[in-house]
Amino acid sequence: MFKILYAITTALVMTSLCLAQEQIIDPTKPLNFSAANTAPGDGQQGIQLTSILISSERKIAIINGEALSESQTVKSVGALVKRIDPESVTLQQNGKVWRVALNNTAIRK
């Protein structure tokens, strides 16, 4: 009886350990969440364009949690904001210029 109980307990523990290693998908994660956008081949890591706000008076891009205007620098990576367009931002660093597109998969009602 003890051997059967031990075998069942061991099987349950091993099964729970295997299930714990599986990646769990967060059902509360926003649909428009994505990993950081990077330009191909430029070696830059960690550029995440979250939002673009454009009015008649100013243009603001939210990059890596920072609210930036044109000609300001993204502190976390040292890239200069050259231009802010409605769907993308143009950045410059070490003589290289690249464009980061806004991930626009949000559901609008």
Foldseek 3Di string as FASTA:
>chain_A
DVVVVVVVVVVVVVVVVVVVPDDDDDPPDAPLDDAADDDPPPPDHQWHWAAWDDDPVFIWTQTPNDTDGAQDADVVGGWGFHDDDRFWTWIDDPRDIDIDGHSPPHDDD
